[in-house]
Amino acid sequence: EGKESLSKEFFKKHHLKTRILKSKEDEDLIAKWIDEGMKSGE
């Protein structure tokens, strides 16, 4: 928390697109997909 702008600056400097998620619900959903991907491969 509070380091988002520093990180966003770093990615912008290296021409990388960023998207910051703050919703706990979205974080949980992405974590679920990662877990599913680790098991199923996709």
PDB file of all heavy atoms in Angstrom:
ATOM      1  N   GLU A   1       0.837  -1.197   0.000  1.00  0.00           N
ATOM      2  CA  GLU A   1       0.000   0.000   0.000  1.00  0.00           C
ATOM      3  C   GLU A   1       0.877   1.254   0.000  1.00  0.00           C
ATOM      4  O   GLU A   1       1.846   1.345   0.748  1.00  0.00           O
ATOM      5  CB  GLU A   1      -0.883  -0.017   1.251  1.00  0.00           C
ATOM      6  CG  GLU A   1      -2.006   0.959   1.242  1.00  0.00           C
ATOM      7  CD  GLU A   1      -3.252   0.415   0.547  1.00  0.00           C
ATOM      8  OE1 GLU A   1      -3.382  -0.806   0.408  1.00  0.00           O
ATOM      9  OE2 GLU A   1      -4.083   1.244   0.173  1.00  0.00           O
ATOM     10  N   GLY A   2       0.554   2.201  -0.858  1.00  0.00           N
ATOM     11  CA  GLY A   2       1.287   3.454  -0.918  1.00  0.00           C
ATOM     12  C   GLY A   2       2.473   3.449  -1.880  1.00  0.00           C
ATOM     13  O   GLY A   2       3.063   4.485  -2.136  1.00  0.00           O
ATOM     14  N   LYS A   3       2.836   2.294  -2.418  1.00  0.00           N
ATOM     15  CA  LYS A   3       3.971   2.199  -3.332  1.00  0.00           C
ATOM     16  C   LYS A   3       3.520   2.090  -4.795  1.00  0.00           C
ATOM     17  O   LYS A   3       4.343   1.896  -5.679  1.00  0.00           O
ATOM     18  CB  LYS A   3       4.833   0.968  -3.005  1.00  0.00           C
ATOM     19  CG  LYS A   3       5.402   0.965  -1.616  1.00  0.00           C
ATOM     20  CD  LYS A   3       6.570   1.890  -1.525  1.00  0.00           C
ATOM     21  CE  LYS A   3       7.189   1.745  -0.135  1.00  0.00           C
ATOM     22  NZ  LYS A   3       8.364   2.537   0.026  1.00  0.00           N
ATOM     23  N   GLU A   4       2.201   2.219  -5.043  1.00  0.00           N
ATOM     24  CA  GLU A   4       1.686   2.048  -6.389  1.00  0.00           C
ATOM     25  C   GLU A   4       2.292   3.033  -7.378  1.00  0.00           C
ATOM     26  O   GLU A   4       2.659   2.658  -8.486  1.00  0.00           O
ATOM     27  CB  GLU A   4       0.155   2.184  -6.432  1.00  0.00           C
ATOM     28  CG  GLU A   4      -0.580   1.144  -5.652  1.00  0.00           C
ATOM     29  CD  GLU A   4      -0.918   1.601  -4.242  1.00  0.00           C
ATOM     30  OE1 GLU A   4      -0.351   2.598  -3.753  1.00  0.00           O
ATOM     31  OE2 GLU A   4      -1.758   0.934  -3.615  1.00  0.00           O
ATOM     32  N   SER A   5       2.397   4.308  -6.992  1.00  0.00           N
ATOM     33  CA  SER A   5       2.892   5.309  -7.928  1.00  0.00           C
ATOM     34  C   SER A   5       4.357   5.068  -8.297  1.00  0.00           C
ATOM     35  O   SER A   5       4.745   5.234  -9.454  1.00  0.00           O
ATOM     36  CB  SER A   5       2.708   6.721  -7.369  1.00  0.00           C
ATOM     37  OG  SER A   5       3.445   6.871  -6.173  1.00  0.00           O
ATOM     38  N   LEU A   6       5.168   4.651  -7.341  1.00  0.00           N
ATOM     39  CA  LEU A   6       6.568   4.349  -7.612  1.00  0.00           C
ATOM     40  C   LEU A   6       6.674   3.189  -8.602  1.00  0.00           C
ATOM     41  O   LEU A   6       7.449   3.253  -9.567  1.00  0.00           O
ATOM     42  CB  LEU A   6       7.310   4.013  -6.323  1.00  0.00           C
ATOM     43  CG  LEU A   6       8.780   3.609  -6.456  1.00  0.00           C
ATOM     44  CD1 LEU A   6       9.598   4.756  -7.032  1.00  0.00           C
ATOM     45  CD2 LEU A   6       9.328   3.185  -5.112  1.00  0.00           C
ATOM     46  N   SER A   7       5.891   2.161  -8.372  1.00  0.00           N
ATOM     47  CA  SER A   7       5.907   1.000  -9.258  1.00  0.00           C
ATOM     48  C   SER A   7       5.406   1.371 -10.644  1.00  0.00           C
ATOM     49  O   SER A   7       5.963   0.948 -11.654  1.00  0.00           O
ATOM     50  CB  SER A   7       5.040  -0.119  -8.684  1.00  0.00           C
ATOM     51  OG  SER A   7       5.536  -0.495  -7.431  1.00  0.00           O
ATOM     52  N   LYS A   8       4.344   2.172 -10.695  1.00  0.00           N
ATOM     53  CA  LYS A   8       3.790   2.593 -11.982  1.00  0.00           C
ATOM     54  C   LYS A   8       4.810   3.417 -12.763  1.00  0.00           C
ATOM     55  O   LYS A   8       4.943   3.257 -13.971  1.00  0.00           O
ATOM     56  CB  LYS A   8       2.509   3.386 -11.751  1.00  0.00           C
ATOM     57  CG  LYS A   8       1.603   3.423 -12.926  1.00  0.00           C
ATOM     58  CD  LYS A   8       0.243   3.960 -12.546  1.00  0.00           C
ATOM     59  CE  LYS A   8      -0.671   3.893 -13.739  1.00  0.00           C
ATOM     60  NZ  LYS A   8      -2.017   4.327 -13.435  1.00  0.00           N
ATOM     61  N   GLU A   9       5.555   4.281 -12.079  1.00  0.00           N
ATOM     62  CA  GLU A   9       6.620   5.064 -12.729  1.00  0.00           C
ATOM     63  C   GLU A   9       7.675   4.151 -13.336  1.00  0.00           C
ATOM     64  O   GLU A   9       8.134   4.374 -14.452  1.00  0.00           O
ATOM     65  CB  GLU A   9       7.313   5.976 -11.700  1.00  0.00           C
ATOM     66  CG  GLU A   9       6.672   7.304 -11.501  1.00  0.00           C
ATOM     67  CD  GLU A   9       7.481   8.141 -10.513  1.00  0.00           C
ATOM     68  OE1 GLU A   9       8.726   8.217 -10.644  1.00  0.00           O
ATOM     69  OE2 GLU A   9       6.850   8.705  -9.611  1.00  0.00           O
ATOM     70  N   PHE A  10       8.081   3.135 -12.581  1.00  0.00           N
ATOM     71  CA  PHE A  10       9.092   2.191 -13.056  1.00  0.00           C
ATOM     72  C   PHE A  10       8.626   1.504 -14.337  1.00  0.00           C
ATOM     73  O   PHE A  10       9.358   1.442 -15.327  1.00  0.00           O
ATOM     74  CB  PHE A  10       9.391   1.142 -11.979  1.00  0.00           C
ATOM     75  CG  PHE A  10      10.279   0.027 -12.462  1.00  0.00           C
ATOM     76  CD1 PHE A  10      11.647   0.207 -12.544  1.00  0.00           C
ATOM     77  CD2 PHE A  10       9.736  -1.184 -12.850  1.00  0.00           C
ATOM     78  CE1 PHE A  10      12.473  -0.813 -12.995  1.00  0.00           C
ATOM     79  CE2 PHE A  10      10.550  -2.211 -13.299  1.00  0.00           C
ATOM     80  CZ  PHE A  10      11.921  -2.027 -13.383  1.00  0.00           C
ATOM     81  N   PHE A  11       7.391   0.988 -14.332  1.00  0.00           N
ATOM     82  CA  PHE A  11       6.880   0.293 -15.509  1.00  0.00           C
ATOM     83  C   PHE A  11       6.728   1.248 -16.691  1.00  0.00           C
ATOM     84  O   PHE A  11       7.010   0.885 -17.833  1.00  0.00           O
ATOM     85  CB  PHE A  11       5.559  -0.405 -15.196  1.00  0.00           C
ATOM     86  CG  PHE A  11       5.731  -1.584 -14.276  1.00  0.00           C
ATOM     87  CD1 PHE A  11       5.119  -1.628 -13.042  1.00  0.00           C
ATOM     88  CD2 PHE A  11       6.520  -2.659 -14.658  1.00  0.00           C
ATOM     89  CE1 PHE A  11       5.279  -2.717 -12.199  1.00  0.00           C
ATOM     90  CE2 PHE A  11       6.691  -3.758 -13.819  1.00  0.00           C
ATOM     91  CZ  PHE A  11       6.070  -3.783 -12.589  1.00  0.00           C
ATOM     92  N   LYS A  12       6.276   2.478 -16.429  1.00  0.00           N
ATOM     93  CA  LYS A  12       6.113   3.465 -17.503  1.00  0.00           C
ATOM     94  C   LYS A  12       7.465   3.793 -18.127  1.00  0.00           C
ATOM     95  O   LYS A  12       7.587   3.892 -19.348  1.00  0.00           O
ATOM     96  CB  LYS A  12       5.459   4.731 -16.945  1.00  0.00           C
ATOM     97  CG  LYS A  12       5.158   5.761 -18.000  1.00  0.00           C
ATOM     98  CD  LYS A  12       4.439   6.957 -17.398  1.00  0.00           C
ATOM     99  CE  LYS A  12       4.126   7.977 -18.464  1.00  0.00           C
ATOM    100  NZ  LYS A  12       3.451   9.146 -17.912  1.00  0.00           N
ATOM    101  N   LYS A  13       8.494   3.947 -17.297  1.00  0.00           N
ATOM    102  CA  LYS A  13       9.836   4.246 -17.778  1.00  0.00           C
ATOM    103  C   LYS A  13      10.342   3.168 -18.734  1.00  0.00           C
ATOM    104  O   LYS A  13      11.064   3.444 -19.676  1.00  0.00           O
ATOM    105  CB  LYS A  13      10.797   4.376 -16.586  1.00  0.00           C
ATOM    106  CG  LYS A  13      12.212   4.697 -16.966  1.00  0.00           C
ATOM    107  CD  LYS A  13      13.089   4.830 -15.731  1.00  0.00           C
ATOM    108  CE  LYS A  13      14.517   5.123 -16.118  1.00  0.00           C
ATOM    109  NZ  LYS A  13      15.374   5.246 -14.941  1.00  0.00           N
ATOM    110  N   HIS A  14       9.918   1.930 -18.490  1.00  0.00           N
ATOM    111  CA  HIS A  14      10.351   0.806 -19.324  1.00  0.00           C
ATOM    112  C   HIS A  14       9.307   0.440 -20.377  1.00  0.00           C
ATOM    113  O   HIS A  14       9.368  -0.644 -20.960  1.00  0.00           O
ATOM    114  CB  HIS A  14      10.688  -0.396 -18.440  1.00  0.00           C
ATOM    115  CG  HIS A  14      11.875  -0.131 -17.570  1.00  0.00           C
ATOM    116  ND1 HIS A  14      13.160  -0.164 -18.040  1.00  0.00           N
ATOM    117  CD2 HIS A  14      11.961   0.217 -16.267  1.00  0.00           C
ATOM    118  CE1 HIS A  14      13.998   0.137 -17.070  1.00  0.00           C
ATOM    119  NE2 HIS A  14      13.291   0.379 -15.973  1.00  0.00           N
ATOM    120  N   HIS A  15       8.360   1.368 -20.609  1.00  0.00           N
ATOM    121  CA  HIS A  15       7.338   1.225 -21.650  1.00  0.00           C
ATOM    122  C   HIS A  15       6.496  -0.033 -21.478  1.00  0.00           C
ATOM    123  O   HIS A  15       6.206  -0.749 -22.436  1.00  0.00           O
ATOM    124  CB  HIS A  15       7.969   1.258 -23.044  1.00  0.00           C
ATOM    125  CG  HIS A  15       8.848   2.437 -23.257  1.00  0.00           C
ATOM    126  ND1 HIS A  15       8.349   3.705 -23.469  1.00  0.00           N
ATOM    127  CD2 HIS A  15      10.197   2.565 -23.249  1.00  0.00           C
ATOM    128  CE1 HIS A  15       9.346   4.553 -23.596  1.00  0.00           C
ATOM    129  NE2 HIS A  15      10.484   3.895 -23.458  1.00  0.00           N
ATOM    130  N   LEU A  16       6.104  -0.330 -20.241  1.00  0.00           N
ATOM    131  CA  LEU A  16       5.272  -1.474 -19.936  1.00  0.00           C
ATOM    132  C   LEU A  16       3.905  -0.980 -19.473  1.00  0.00           C
ATOM    133  O   LEU A  16       3.810  -0.024 -18.706  1.00  0.00           O
ATOM    134  CB  LEU A  16       5.908  -2.332 -18.832  1.00  0.00           C
ATOM    135  CG  LEU A  16       7.298  -2.877 -19.165  1.00  0.00           C
ATOM    136  CD1 LEU A  16       7.940  -3.484 -17.932  1.00  0.00           C
ATOM    137  CD2 LEU A  16       7.214  -3.901 -20.283  1.00  0.00           C
ATOM    138  N   LYS A  17       2.851  -1.619 -19.948  1.00  0.00           N
ATOM    139  CA  LYS A  17       1.495  -1.233 -19.578  1.00  0.00           C
ATOM    140  C   LYS A  17       1.184  -1.769 -18.185  1.00  0.00           C
ATOM    141  O   LYS A  17       1.522  -2.905 -17.862  1.00  0.00           O
ATOM    142  CB  LYS A  17       0.506  -1.818 -20.580  1.00  0.00           C
ATOM    143  CG  LYS A  17      -0.901  -1.366 -20.353  1.00  0.00           C
ATOM    144  CD  LYS A  17      -1.804  -1.882 -21.441  1.00  0.00           C
ATOM    145  CE  LYS A  17      -3.217  -1.430 -21.160  1.00  0.00           C
ATOM    146  NZ  LYS A  17      -4.146  -1.861 -22.178  1.00  0.00           N
ATOM    147  N   THR A  18       0.553  -0.950 -17.367  1.00  0.00           N
ATOM    148  CA  THR A  18       0.201  -1.374 -16.011  1.00  0.00           C
ATOM    149  C   THR A  18      -1.297  -1.261 -15.780  1.00  0.00           C
ATOM    150  O   THR A  18      -1.979  -0.475 -16.436  1.00  0.00           O
ATOM    151  CB  THR A  18       0.900  -0.507 -14.947  1.00  0.00           C
ATOM    152  OG1 THR A  18       0.463   0.839 -15.092  1.00  0.00           O
ATOM    153  CG2 THR A  18       2.393  -0.579 -15.059  1.00  0.00           C
ATOM    154  N   ARG A  19      -1.770  -2.033 -14.858  1.00  0.00           N
ATOM    155  CA  ARG A  19      -3.150  -1.930 -14.389  1.00  0.00           C
ATOM    156  C   ARG A  19      -3.098  -2.293 -12.911  1.00  0.00           C
ATOM    157  O   ARG A  19      -2.602  -3.354 -12.555  1.00  0.00           O
ATOM    158  CB  ARG A  19      -4.056  -2.878 -15.132  1.00  0.00           C
ATOM    159  CG  ARG A  19      -5.507  -2.687 -14.724  1.00  0.00           C
ATOM    160  CD  ARG A  19      -6.443  -3.382 -15.646  1.00  0.00           C
ATOM    161  NE  ARG A  19      -6.230  -3.002 -17.030  1.00  0.00           N
ATOM    162  CZ  ARG A  19      -7.104  -2.316 -17.756  1.00  0.00           C
ATOM    163  NH1 ARG A  19      -8.214  -1.922 -17.214  1.00  0.00           N
ATOM    164  NH2 ARG A  19      -6.870  -2.045 -19.011  1.00  0.00           N
ATOM    165  N   ILE A  20      -3.591  -1.397 -12.073  1.00  0.00           N
ATOM    166  CA  ILE A  20      -3.550  -1.631 -10.632  1.00  0.00           C
ATOM    167  C   ILE A  20      -4.939  -2.033 -10.162  1.00  0.00           C
ATOM    168  O   ILE A  20      -5.904  -1.306 -10.373  1.00  0.00           O
ATOM    169  CB  ILE A  20      -3.058  -0.367  -9.889  1.00  0.00           C
ATOM    170  CG1 ILE A  20      -1.631  -0.059 -10.315  1.00  0.00           C
ATOM    171  CG2 ILE A  20      -3.165  -0.561  -8.380  1.00  0.00           C
ATOM    172  CD1 ILE A  20      -1.072   1.226  -9.758  1.00  0.00           C
ATOM    173  N   LEU A  21      -5.026  -3.203  -9.563  1.00  0.00           N
ATOM    174  CA  LEU A  21      -6.287  -3.693  -9.010  1.00  0.00           C
ATOM    175  C   LEU A  21      -6.274  -3.456  -7.510  1.00  0.00           C
ATOM    176  O   LEU A  21      -5.319  -3.788  -6.844  1.00  0.00           O
ATOM    177  CB  LEU A  21      -6.441  -5.195  -9.277  1.00  0.00           C
ATOM    178  CG  LEU A  21      -6.447  -5.625 -10.723  1.00  0.00           C
ATOM    179  CD1 LEU A  21      -6.523  -7.141 -10.803  1.00  0.00           C
ATOM    180  CD2 LEU A  21      -7.616  -5.016 -11.463  1.00  0.00           C
ATOM    181  N   LYS A  22      -7.348  -2.889  -7.005  1.00  0.00           N
ATOM    182  CA  LYS A  22      -7.418  -2.632  -5.575  1.00  0.00           C
ATOM    183  C   LYS A  22      -8.515  -3.434  -4.894  1.00  0.00           C
ATOM    184  O   LYS A  22      -8.547  -3.553  -3.696  1.00  0.00           O
ATOM    185  CB  LYS A  22      -7.643  -1.145  -5.323  1.00  0.00           C
ATOM    186  CG  LYS A  22      -6.461  -0.306  -5.729  1.00  0.00           C
ATOM    187  CD  LYS A  22      -6.630   1.124  -5.351  1.00  0.00           C
ATOM    188  CE  LYS A  22      -5.387   1.897  -5.751  1.00  0.00           C
ATOM    189  NZ  LYS A  22      -5.449   3.269  -5.330  1.00  0.00           N
ATOM    190  N   SER A  23      -9.398  -3.975  -5.667  1.00  0.00           N
ATOM    191  CA  SER A  23     -10.520  -4.706  -5.098  1.00  0.00           C
ATOM    192  C   SER A  23     -10.071  -6.079  -4.616  1.00  0.00           C
ATOM    193  O   SER A  23      -9.502  -6.861  -5.362  1.00  0.00           O
ATOM    194  CB  SER A  23     -11.618  -4.862  -6.144  1.00  0.00           C
ATOM    195  OG  SER A  23     -12.591  -5.760  -5.703  1.00  0.00           O
ATOM    196  N   LYS A  24     -10.321  -6.366  -3.369  1.00  0.00           N
ATOM    197  CA  LYS A  24      -9.962  -7.657  -2.784  1.00  0.00           C
ATOM    198  C   LYS A  24     -10.631  -8.796  -3.554  1.00  0.00           C
ATOM    199  O   LYS A  24     -10.040  -9.845  -3.774  1.00  0.00           O
ATOM    200  CB  LYS A  24     -10.386  -7.688  -1.307  1.00  0.00           C
ATOM    201  CG  LYS A  24     -10.087  -8.976  -0.608  1.00  0.00           C
ATOM    202  CD  LYS A  24      -8.601  -9.207  -0.447  1.00  0.00           C
ATOM    203  CE  LYS A  24      -8.352 -10.433   0.383  1.00  0.00           C
ATOM    204  NZ  LYS A  24      -7.151 -11.112   0.057  1.00  0.00           N
ATOM    205  N   GLU A  25     -11.844  -8.552  -4.013  1.00  0.00           N
ATOM    206  CA  GLU A  25     -12.579  -9.558  -4.764  1.00  0.00           C
ATOM    207  C   GLU A  25     -11.836  -9.937  -6.050  1.00  0.00           C
ATOM    208  O   GLU A  25     -11.725 -11.115  -6.382  1.00  0.00           O
ATOM    209  CB  GLU A  25     -13.962  -8.994  -5.114  1.00  0.00           C
ATOM    210  CG  GLU A  25     -15.024 -10.027  -5.331  1.00  0.00           C
ATOM    211  CD  GLU A  25     -16.382  -9.347  -5.456  1.00  0.00           C
ATOM    212  OE1 GLU A  25     -16.965  -8.996  -4.418  1.00  0.00           O
ATOM    213  OE2 GLU A  25     -16.827  -9.183  -6.594  1.00  0.00           O
ATOM    214  N   ASP A  26     -11.324  -8.954  -6.778  1.00  0.00           N
ATOM    215  CA  ASP A  26     -10.599  -9.230  -8.019  1.00  0.00           C
ATOM    216  C   ASP A  26      -9.298  -9.960  -7.738  1.00  0.00           C
ATOM    217  O   ASP A  26      -8.907 -10.847  -8.496  1.00  0.00           O
ATOM    218  CB  ASP A  26     -10.314  -7.933  -8.781  1.00  0.00           C
ATOM    219  CG  ASP A  26     -11.584  -7.304  -9.332  1.00  0.00           C
ATOM    220  OD1 ASP A  26     -12.543  -8.059  -9.613  1.00  0.00           O
ATOM    221  OD2 ASP A  26     -11.625  -6.077  -9.458  1.00  0.00           O
ATOM    222  N   GLU A  27      -8.625  -9.591  -6.671  1.00  0.00           N
ATOM    223  CA  GLU A  27      -7.392 -10.283  -6.295  1.00  0.00           C
ATOM    224  C   GLU A  27      -7.673 -11.747  -6.005  1.00  0.00           C
ATOM    225  O   GLU A  27      -6.919 -12.623  -6.418  1.00  0.00           O
ATOM    226  CB  GLU A  27      -6.752  -9.617  -5.075  1.00  0.00           C
ATOM    227  CG  GLU A  27      -6.208  -8.232  -5.351  1.00  0.00           C
ATOM    228  CD  GLU A  27      -5.735  -7.542  -4.088  1.00  0.00           C
ATOM    229  OE1 GLU A  27      -5.662  -8.186  -3.018  1.00  0.00           O
ATOM    230  OE2 GLU A  27      -5.436  -6.341  -4.165  1.00  0.00           O
ATOM    231  N   ASP A  28      -8.777 -12.008  -5.311  1.00  0.00           N
ATOM    232  CA  ASP A  28      -9.152 -13.387  -4.996  1.00  0.00           C
ATOM    233  C   ASP A  28      -9.462 -14.173  -6.267  1.00  0.00           C
ATOM    234  O   ASP A  28      -9.081 -15.334  -6.402  1.00  0.00           O
ATOM    235  CB  ASP A  28     -10.348 -13.430  -4.050  1.00  0.00           C
ATOM    236  CG  ASP A  28     -10.023 -12.923  -2.655  1.00  0.00           C
ATOM    237  OD1 ASP A  28      -8.825 -12.863  -2.305  1.00  0.00           O
ATOM    238  OD2 ASP A  28     -10.972 -12.578  -1.920  1.00  0.00           O
ATOM    239  N   LEU A  29     -10.145 -13.530  -7.207  1.00  0.00           N
ATOM    240  CA  LEU A  29     -10.499 -14.185  -8.457  1.00  0.00           C
ATOM    241  C   LEU A  29      -9.255 -14.532  -9.269  1.00  0.00           C
ATOM    242  O   LEU A  29      -9.119 -15.646  -9.770  1.00  0.00           O
ATOM    243  CB  LEU A  29     -11.429 -13.282  -9.276  1.00  0.00           C
ATOM    244  CG  LEU A  29     -11.995 -13.859 -10.561  1.00  0.00           C
ATOM    245  CD1 LEU A  29     -12.753 -15.151 -10.294  1.00  0.00           C
ATOM    246  CD2 LEU A  29     -12.919 -12.831 -11.213  1.00  0.00           C
ATOM    247  N   ILE A  30      -8.326 -13.610  -9.371  1.00  0.00           N
ATOM    248  CA  ILE A  30      -7.090 -13.866 -10.107  1.00  0.00           C
ATOM    249  C   ILE A  30      -6.285 -14.963  -9.417  1.00  0.00           C
ATOM    250  O   ILE A  30      -5.720 -15.837 -10.072  1.00  0.00           O
ATOM    251  CB  ILE A  30      -6.269 -12.573 -10.286  1.00  0.00           C
ATOM    252  CG1 ILE A  30      -7.010 -11.640 -11.253  1.00  0.00           C
ATOM    253  CG2 ILE A  30      -4.871 -12.882 -10.804  1.00  0.00           C
ATOM    254  CD1 ILE A  30      -6.416 -10.259 -11.373  1.00  0.00           C
ATOM    255  N   ALA A  31      -6.247 -14.947  -8.097  1.00  0.00           N
ATOM    256  CA  ALA A  31      -5.535 -16.000  -7.362  1.00  0.00           C
ATOM    257  C   ALA A  31      -6.167 -17.361  -7.650  1.00  0.00           C
ATOM    258  O   ALA A  31      -5.461 -18.355  -7.833  1.00  0.00           O
ATOM    259  CB  ALA A  31      -5.562 -15.708  -5.869  1.00  0.00           C
ATOM    260  N   LYS A  32      -7.479 -17.401  -7.730  1.00  0.00           N
ATOM    261  CA  LYS A  32      -8.181 -18.651  -8.046  1.00  0.00           C
ATOM    262  C   LYS A  32      -7.777 -19.140  -9.431  1.00  0.00           C
ATOM    263  O   LYS A  32      -7.519 -20.320  -9.630  1.00  0.00           O
ATOM    264  CB  LYS A  32      -9.691 -18.416  -7.980  1.00  0.00           C
ATOM    265  CG  LYS A  32     -10.515 -19.614  -8.355  1.00  0.00           C
ATOM    266  CD  LYS A  32     -11.998 -19.278  -8.338  1.00  0.00           C
ATOM    267  CE  LYS A  32     -12.750 -20.343  -9.112  1.00  0.00           C
ATOM    268  NZ  LYS A  32     -13.995 -19.853  -9.645  1.00  0.00           N
ATOM    269  N   TRP A  33      -7.711 -18.222 -10.412  1.00  0.00           N
ATOM    270  CA  TRP A  33      -7.312 -18.605 -11.773  1.00  0.00           C
ATOM    271  C   TRP A  33      -5.883 -19.115 -11.804  1.00  0.00           C
ATOM    272  O   TRP A  33      -5.570 -20.058 -12.517  1.00  0.00           O
ATOM    273  CB  TRP A  33      -7.455 -17.438 -12.725  1.00  0.00           C
ATOM    274  CG  TRP A  33      -8.867 -17.074 -13.034  1.00  0.00           C
ATOM    275  CD1 TRP A  33      -9.972 -17.861 -12.917  1.00  0.00           C
ATOM    276  CD2 TRP A  33      -9.326 -15.821 -13.513  1.00  0.00           C
ATOM    277  NE1 TRP A  33     -11.088 -17.169 -13.294  1.00  0.00           N
ATOM    278  CE2 TRP A  33     -10.723 -15.922 -13.667  1.00  0.00           C
ATOM    279  CE3 TRP A  33      -8.696 -14.619 -13.815  1.00  0.00           C
ATOM    280  CZ2 TRP A  33     -11.496 -14.864 -14.130  1.00  0.00           C
ATOM    281  CZ3 TRP A  33      -9.468 -13.574 -14.284  1.00  0.00           C
ATOM    282  CH2 TRP A  33     -10.852 -13.699 -14.431  1.00  0.00           C
ATOM    283  N   ILE A  34      -5.013 -18.491 -11.032  1.00  0.00           N
ATOM    284  CA  ILE A  34      -3.621 -18.947 -10.976  1.00  0.00           C
ATOM    285  C   ILE A  34      -3.570 -20.365 -10.429  1.00  0.00           C
ATOM    286  O   ILE A  34      -2.893 -21.229 -10.978  1.00  0.00           O
ATOM    287  CB  ILE A  34      -2.755 -17.992 -10.124  1.00  0.00           C
ATOM    288  CG1 ILE A  34      -2.588 -16.656 -10.855  1.00  0.00           C
ATOM    289  CG2 ILE A  34      -1.393 -18.619  -9.815  1.00  0.00           C
ATOM    290  CD1 ILE A  34      -1.956 -15.574 -10.017  1.00  0.00           C
ATOM    291  N   ASP A  35      -4.310 -20.608  -9.346  1.00  0.00           N
ATOM    292  CA  ASP A  35      -4.361 -21.957  -8.769  1.00  0.00           C
ATOM    293  C   ASP A  35      -4.901 -22.965  -9.778  1.00  0.00           C
ATOM    294  O   ASP A  35      -4.350 -24.055  -9.936  1.00  0.00           O
ATOM    295  CB  ASP A  35      -5.221 -21.986  -7.506  1.00  0.00           C
ATOM    296  CG  ASP A  35      -4.577 -21.272  -6.337  1.00  0.00           C
ATOM    297  OD1 ASP A  35      -3.335 -21.068  -6.373  1.00  0.00           O
ATOM    298  OD2 ASP A  35      -5.302 -20.917  -5.387  1.00  0.00           O
ATOM    299  N   GLU A  36      -5.968 -22.599 -10.498  1.00  0.00           N
ATOM    300  CA  GLU A  36      -6.537 -23.483 -11.508  1.00  0.00           C
ATOM    301  C   GLU A  36      -5.525 -23.741 -12.627  1.00  0.00           C
ATOM    302  O   GLU A  36      -5.402 -24.863 -13.107  1.00  0.00           O
ATOM    303  CB  GLU A  36      -7.807 -22.878 -12.097  1.00  0.00           C
ATOM    304  CG  GLU A  36      -8.986 -22.904 -11.164  1.00  0.00           C
ATOM    305  CD  GLU A  36     -10.198 -22.165 -11.729  1.00  0.00           C
ATOM    306  OE1 GLU A  36     -10.162 -21.704 -12.886  1.00  0.00           O
ATOM    307  OE2 GLU A  36     -11.190 -22.050 -10.989  1.00  0.00           O
ATOM    308  N   GLY A  37      -4.817 -22.694 -13.025  1.00  0.00           N
ATOM    309  CA  GLY A  37      -3.828 -22.828 -14.082  1.00  0.00           C
ATOM    310  C   GLY A  37      -2.673 -23.720 -13.676  1.00  0.00           C
ATOM    311  O   GLY A  37      -2.146 -24.479 -14.495  1.00  0.00           O
ATOM    312  N   MET A  38      -2.301 -23.656 -12.421  1.00  0.00           N
ATOM    313  CA  MET A  38      -1.220 -24.505 -11.932  1.00  0.00           C
ATOM    314  C   MET A  38      -1.632 -25.976 -11.973  1.00  0.00           C
ATOM    315  O   MET A  38      -0.819 -26.841 -12.215  1.00  0.00           O
ATOM    316  CB  MET A  38      -0.835 -24.114 -10.502  1.00  0.00           C
ATOM    317  CG  MET A  38      -0.266 -22.720 -10.362  1.00  0.00           C
ATOM    318  SD  MET A  38       1.292 -22.504 -11.205  1.00  0.00           S
ATOM    319  CE  MET A  38       2.373 -23.280 -10.035  1.00  0.00           C
ATOM    320  N   LYS A  39      -2.916 -26.242 -11.767  1.00  0.00           N
ATOM    321  CA  LYS A  39      -3.410 -27.619 -11.773  1.00  0.00           C
ATOM    322  C   LYS A  39      -3.698 -28.109 -13.187  1.00  0.00           C
ATOM    323  O   LYS A  39      -3.315 -29.195 -13.573  1.00  0.00           O
ATOM    324  CB  LYS A  39      -4.685 -27.727 -10.936  1.00  0.00           C
ATOM    325  CG  LYS A  39      -4.456 -27.525  -9.455  1.00  0.00           C
ATOM    326  CD  LYS A  39      -5.770 -27.547  -8.705  1.00  0.00           C
ATOM    327  CE  LYS A  39      -5.549 -27.127  -7.259  1.00  0.00           C
ATOM    328  NZ  LYS A  39      -6.805 -26.880  -6.566  1.00  0.00           N
ATOM    329  N   SER A  40      -4.394 -27.275 -13.987  1.00  0.00           N
ATOM    330  CA  SER A  40      -4.848 -27.720 -15.299  1.00  0.00           C
ATOM    331  C   SER A  40      -3.885 -27.348 -16.420  1.00  0.00           C
ATOM    332  O   SER A  40      -3.972 -27.892 -17.506  1.00  0.00           O
ATOM    333  CB  SER A  40      -6.216 -27.109 -15.609  1.00  0.00           C
ATOM    334  OG  SER A  40      -6.087 -25.721 -15.853  1.00  0.00           O
ATOM    335  N   GLY A  41      -3.022 -26.387 -16.182  1.00  0.00           N
ATOM    336  CA  GLY A  41      -2.098 -25.970 -17.219  1.00  0.00           C
ATOM    337  C   GLY A  41      -2.602 -24.807 -18.052  1.00  0.00           C
ATOM    338  O   GLY A  41      -1.856 -24.223 -18.801  1.00  0.00           O
ATOM    339  N   GLU A  42      -3.893 -24.450 -17.925  1.00  0.00           N
ATOM    340  CA  GLU A  42      -4.368 -23.302 -18.685  1.00  0.00           C
ATOM    341  C   GLU A  42      -5.547 -22.613 -18.017  1.00  0.00           C
ATOM    342  O   GLU A  42      -6.374 -23.233 -17.364  1.00  0.00           O
ATOM    343  CB  GLU A  42      -4.735 -23.694 -20.109  1.00  0.00           C
ATOM    344  CG  GLU A  42      -5.926 -24.633 -20.215  1.00  0.00           C
ATOM    345  CD  GLU A  42      -6.222 -24.978 -21.659  1.00  0.00           C
ATOM    346  OE1 GLU A  42      -5.453 -25.735 -22.251  1.00  0.00           O
ATOM    347  OE2 GLU A  42      -7.229 -24.470 -22.166  1.00  0.00           O
TER     348      GLU A  42
END
